[in-house]
Amino acid sequence: MSKSDDTLLRMGVVFVWLATAAVSVLEFDGQSTALLTTAGITDPRLVTVLISVGAGADLLVGIAMARWPSRRIYWIALALMVAMTVVASVLDPSLWLHPLGPLTKNVPIAAALWILIRRSA
């Protein structure tokens, strides 16, 4: 893989993080809230906190990866993605069976992050 391949791979992952942050906020009163409600989380304050913290974390990781790519940032991204995947799996395991793959997409993203971790100095 060349340096330009690494950049393309990194920017693809950055796009996922930033898009997820944006969609979480844009769909705040739609799919974001519905996901938590389906899992039994109905307290509006808790819903607001969870969505805001999740979107904020996605935004920060996306920006950090775009601006300061490093092994440390990739490890943080991988750890956060694993944690969010575990939480989402507990809240709604059926997400693994969704035809558009909201959780299954995390497997190739983890592979991309692992490649970036291994290739970063």
C-alpha atoms as a PDB file:
ATOM      1  CA  MET A   1       0.000   0.000   0.000  1.00  0.00           C
ATOM      2  CA  SER A   2       1.284   3.448  -0.863  1.00  0.00           C
ATOM      3  CA  LYS A   3       1.018   6.627   1.187  1.00  0.00           C
ATOM      4  CA  SER A   4      -1.848   7.768  -1.048  1.00  0.00           C
ATOM      5  CA  ASP A   5      -3.606   4.444  -0.388  1.00  0.00           C
ATOM      6  CA  ASP A   6      -3.200   5.024   3.351  1.00  0.00           C
ATOM      7  CA  THR A   7      -4.643   8.521   2.973  1.00  0.00           C
ATOM      8  CA  LEU A   8      -7.600   7.230   0.959  1.00  0.00           C
ATOM      9  CA  LEU A   9      -8.280   4.513   3.533  1.00  0.00           C
ATOM     10  CA  ARG A  10      -7.994   7.010   6.408  1.00  0.00           C
ATOM     11  CA  MET A  11     -10.259   9.568   4.749  1.00  0.00           C
ATOM     12  CA  GLY A  12     -12.853   6.875   4.080  1.00  0.00           C
ATOM     13  CA  VAL A  13     -12.909   6.037   7.776  1.00  0.00           C
ATOM     14  CA  VAL A  14     -12.954   9.755   8.671  1.00  0.00           C
ATOM     15  CA  PHE A  15     -16.018  10.146   6.452  1.00  0.00           C
ATOM     16  CA  VAL A  16     -17.836   7.381   8.350  1.00  0.00           C
ATOM     17  CA  TRP A  17     -17.102   9.040  11.719  1.00  0.00           C
ATOM     18  CA  LEU A  18     -18.144  12.515  10.579  1.00  0.00           C
ATOM     19  CA  ALA A  19     -21.225  11.272   8.716  1.00  0.00           C
ATOM     20  CA  THR A  20     -22.315   9.261  11.752  1.00  0.00           C
ATOM     21  CA  ALA A  21     -22.001  12.358  13.943  1.00  0.00           C
ATOM     22  CA  ALA A  22     -24.018  14.449  11.472  1.00  0.00           C
ATOM     23  CA  VAL A  23     -26.741  11.843  10.985  1.00  0.00           C
ATOM     24  CA  SER A  24     -27.058  11.318  14.743  1.00  0.00           C
ATOM     25  CA  VAL A  25     -27.798  15.022  15.162  1.00  0.00           C
ATOM     26  CA  LEU A  26     -29.927  15.411  12.027  1.00  0.00           C
ATOM     27  CA  GLU A  27     -32.017  12.413  13.068  1.00  0.00           C
ATOM     28  CA  PHE A  28     -32.053  13.418  16.735  1.00  0.00           C
ATOM     29  CA  ASP A  29     -35.854  13.349  16.979  1.00  0.00           C
ATOM     30  CA  GLY A  30     -36.137  10.522  14.461  1.00  0.00           C
ATOM     31  CA  GLN A  31     -33.989   7.424  14.157  1.00  0.00           C
ATOM     32  CA  SER A  32     -31.545   8.367  16.928  1.00  0.00           C
ATOM     33  CA  THR A  33     -34.288   8.655  19.538  1.00  0.00           C
ATOM     34  CA  ALA A  34     -36.179   5.676  18.104  1.00  0.00           C
ATOM     35  CA  LEU A  35     -33.112   3.460  18.497  1.00  0.00           C
ATOM     36  CA  LEU A  36     -32.849   4.273  22.195  1.00  0.00           C
ATOM     37  CA  THR A  37     -36.610   4.090  22.744  1.00  0.00           C
ATOM     38  CA  THR A  38     -36.700   0.635  21.155  1.00  0.00           C
ATOM     39  CA  ALA A  39     -34.048  -0.396  23.668  1.00  0.00           C
ATOM     40  CA  GLY A  40     -36.239   0.852  26.530  1.00  0.00           C
ATOM     41  CA  ILE A  41     -34.452   4.156  27.150  1.00  0.00           C
ATOM     42  CA  THR A  42     -37.275   6.670  27.297  1.00  0.00           C
ATOM     43  CA  ASP A  43     -36.144   9.383  29.715  1.00  0.00           C
ATOM     44  CA  PRO A  44     -35.848  12.412  27.398  1.00  0.00           C
ATOM     45  CA  ARG A  45     -32.891  13.831  29.342  1.00  0.00           C
ATOM     46  CA  LEU A  46     -30.976  10.564  29.164  1.00  0.00           C
ATOM     47  CA  VAL A  47     -31.794  10.204  25.463  1.00  0.00           C
ATOM     48  CA  THR A  48     -30.488  13.727  24.835  1.00  0.00           C
ATOM     49  CA  VAL A  49     -27.285  13.044  26.772  1.00  0.00           C
ATOM     50  CA  LEU A  50     -26.614   9.700  25.076  1.00  0.00           C
ATOM     51  CA  ILE A  51     -27.173  11.010  21.558  1.00  0.00           C
ATOM     52  CA  SER A  52     -25.178  14.174  22.225  1.00  0.00           C
ATOM     53  CA  VAL A  53     -22.244  12.318  23.789  1.00  0.00           C
ATOM     54  CA  GLY A  54     -22.223   9.725  21.004  1.00  0.00           C
ATOM     55  CA  ALA A  55     -22.377  12.319  18.241  1.00  0.00           C
ATOM     56  CA  GLY A  56     -19.732  14.416  19.981  1.00  0.00           C
ATOM     57  CA  ALA A  57     -17.406  11.440  20.314  1.00  0.00           C
ATOM     58  CA  ASP A  58     -17.905  10.573  16.637  1.00  0.00           C
ATOM     59  CA  LEU A  59     -17.180  14.171  15.647  1.00  0.00           C
ATOM     60  CA  LEU A  60     -14.047  14.426  17.798  1.00  0.00           C
ATOM     61  CA  VAL A  61     -12.630  11.132  16.538  1.00  0.00           C
ATOM     62  CA  GLY A  62     -13.348  12.071  12.920  1.00  0.00           C
ATOM     63  CA  ILE A  63     -11.677  15.467  13.285  1.00  0.00           C
ATOM     64  CA  ALA A  64      -8.709  14.028  15.187  1.00  0.00           C
ATOM     65  CA  MET A  65      -8.177  11.330  12.583  1.00  0.00           C
ATOM     66  CA  ALA A  66      -8.367  13.878   9.753  1.00  0.00           C
ATOM     67  CA  ARG A  67      -6.086  16.459  11.373  1.00  0.00           C
ATOM     68  CA  TRP A  68      -3.647  14.406  13.466  1.00  0.00           C
ATOM     69  CA  PRO A  69      -3.483  10.892  12.032  1.00  0.00           C
ATOM     70  CA  SER A  70      -1.471   8.698  14.357  1.00  0.00           C
ATOM     71  CA  ARG A  71      -1.364   5.248  15.818  1.00  0.00           C
ATOM     72  CA  ARG A  72      -2.807   6.640  19.069  1.00  0.00           C
ATOM     73  CA  ILE A  73      -5.827   8.195  17.310  1.00  0.00           C
ATOM     74  CA  TYR A  74      -6.461   4.963  15.387  1.00  0.00           C
ATOM     75  CA  TRP A  75      -6.372   2.963  18.634  1.00  0.00           C
ATOM     76  CA  ILE A  76      -8.812   5.428  20.229  1.00  0.00           C
ATOM     77  CA  ALA A  77     -11.109   5.126  17.201  1.00  0.00           C
ATOM     78  CA  LEU A  78     -10.954   1.335  17.300  1.00  0.00           C
ATOM     79  CA  ALA A  79     -11.639   1.206  21.048  1.00  0.00           C
ATOM     80  CA  LEU A  80     -14.568   3.620  20.745  1.00  0.00           C
ATOM     81  CA  MET A  81     -16.013   1.692  17.810  1.00  0.00           C
ATOM     82  CA  VAL A  82     -15.767  -1.598  19.714  1.00  0.00           C
ATOM     83  CA  ALA A  83     -17.394  -0.018  22.791  1.00  0.00           C
ATOM     84  CA  MET A  84     -20.221   1.500  20.732  1.00  0.00           C
ATOM     85  CA  THR A  85     -20.727  -1.801  18.908  1.00  0.00           C
ATOM     86  CA  VAL A  86     -21.000  -3.679  22.200  1.00  0.00           C
ATOM     87  CA  VAL A  87     -23.470  -1.123  23.594  1.00  0.00           C
ATOM     88  CA  ALA A  88     -25.556  -1.176  20.405  1.00  0.00           C
ATOM     89  CA  SER A  89     -25.499  -4.994  20.426  1.00  0.00           C
ATOM     90  CA  VAL A  90     -26.826  -5.041  23.983  1.00  0.00           C
ATOM     91  CA  LEU A  91     -29.459  -2.371  23.293  1.00  0.00           C
ATOM     92  CA  ASP A  92     -30.706  -3.915  20.037  1.00  0.00           C
ATOM     93  CA  PRO A  93     -29.079  -7.171  18.889  1.00  0.00           C
ATOM     94  CA  SER A  94     -31.323  -7.203  15.810  1.00  0.00           C
ATOM     95  CA  LEU A  95     -29.082  -4.491  14.343  1.00  0.00           C
ATOM     96  CA  TRP A  96     -26.717  -7.310  13.361  1.00  0.00           C
ATOM     97  CA  LEU A  97     -29.469  -8.676  11.104  1.00  0.00           C
ATOM     98  CA  HIS A  98     -30.394  -5.361   9.474  1.00  0.00           C
ATOM     99  CA  PRO A  99     -30.029  -5.595   5.681  1.00  0.00           C
ATOM    100  CA  LEU A 100     -28.049  -2.328   5.485  1.00  0.00           C
ATOM    101  CA  GLY A 101     -25.609  -3.471   8.161  1.00  0.00           C
ATOM    102  CA  PRO A 102     -25.479  -0.738  10.808  1.00  0.00           C
ATOM    103  CA  LEU A 103     -23.291  -2.994  12.954  1.00  0.00           C
ATOM    104  CA  THR A 104     -21.781  -5.365  10.394  1.00  0.00           C
ATOM    105  CA  LYS A 105     -20.106  -2.373   8.724  1.00  0.00           C
ATOM    106  CA  ASN A 106     -17.969  -2.099  11.831  1.00  0.00           C
ATOM    107  CA  VAL A 107     -16.076  -5.272  10.914  1.00  0.00           C
ATOM    108  CA  PRO A 108     -14.448  -3.811   7.756  1.00  0.00           C
ATOM    109  CA  ILE A 109     -13.964  -0.481   9.556  1.00  0.00           C
ATOM    110  CA  ALA A 110     -12.096  -2.345  12.310  1.00  0.00           C
ATOM    111  CA  ALA A 111      -9.963  -4.001   9.616  1.00  0.00           C
ATOM    112  CA  ALA A 112      -9.219  -0.598   8.049  1.00  0.00           C
ATOM    113  CA  LEU A 113      -8.258   0.850  11.434  1.00  0.00           C
ATOM    114  CA  TRP A 114      -6.047  -2.167  12.121  1.00  0.00           C
ATOM    115  CA  ILE A 115      -4.236  -1.625   8.797  1.00  0.00           C
ATOM    116  CA  LEU A 116      -3.778   2.062   9.656  1.00  0.00           C
ATOM    117  CA  ILE A 117      -2.482   1.159  13.137  1.00  0.00           C
ATOM    118  CA  ARG A 118       0.049  -1.281  11.691  1.00  0.00           C
ATOM    119  CA  ARG A 119       1.209   1.146   8.998  1.00  0.00           C
ATOM    120  CA  SER A 120       1.514   4.246  11.184  1.00  0.00           C
ATOM    121  CA  ALA A 121       4.927   5.150  12.514  1.00  0.00           C
END
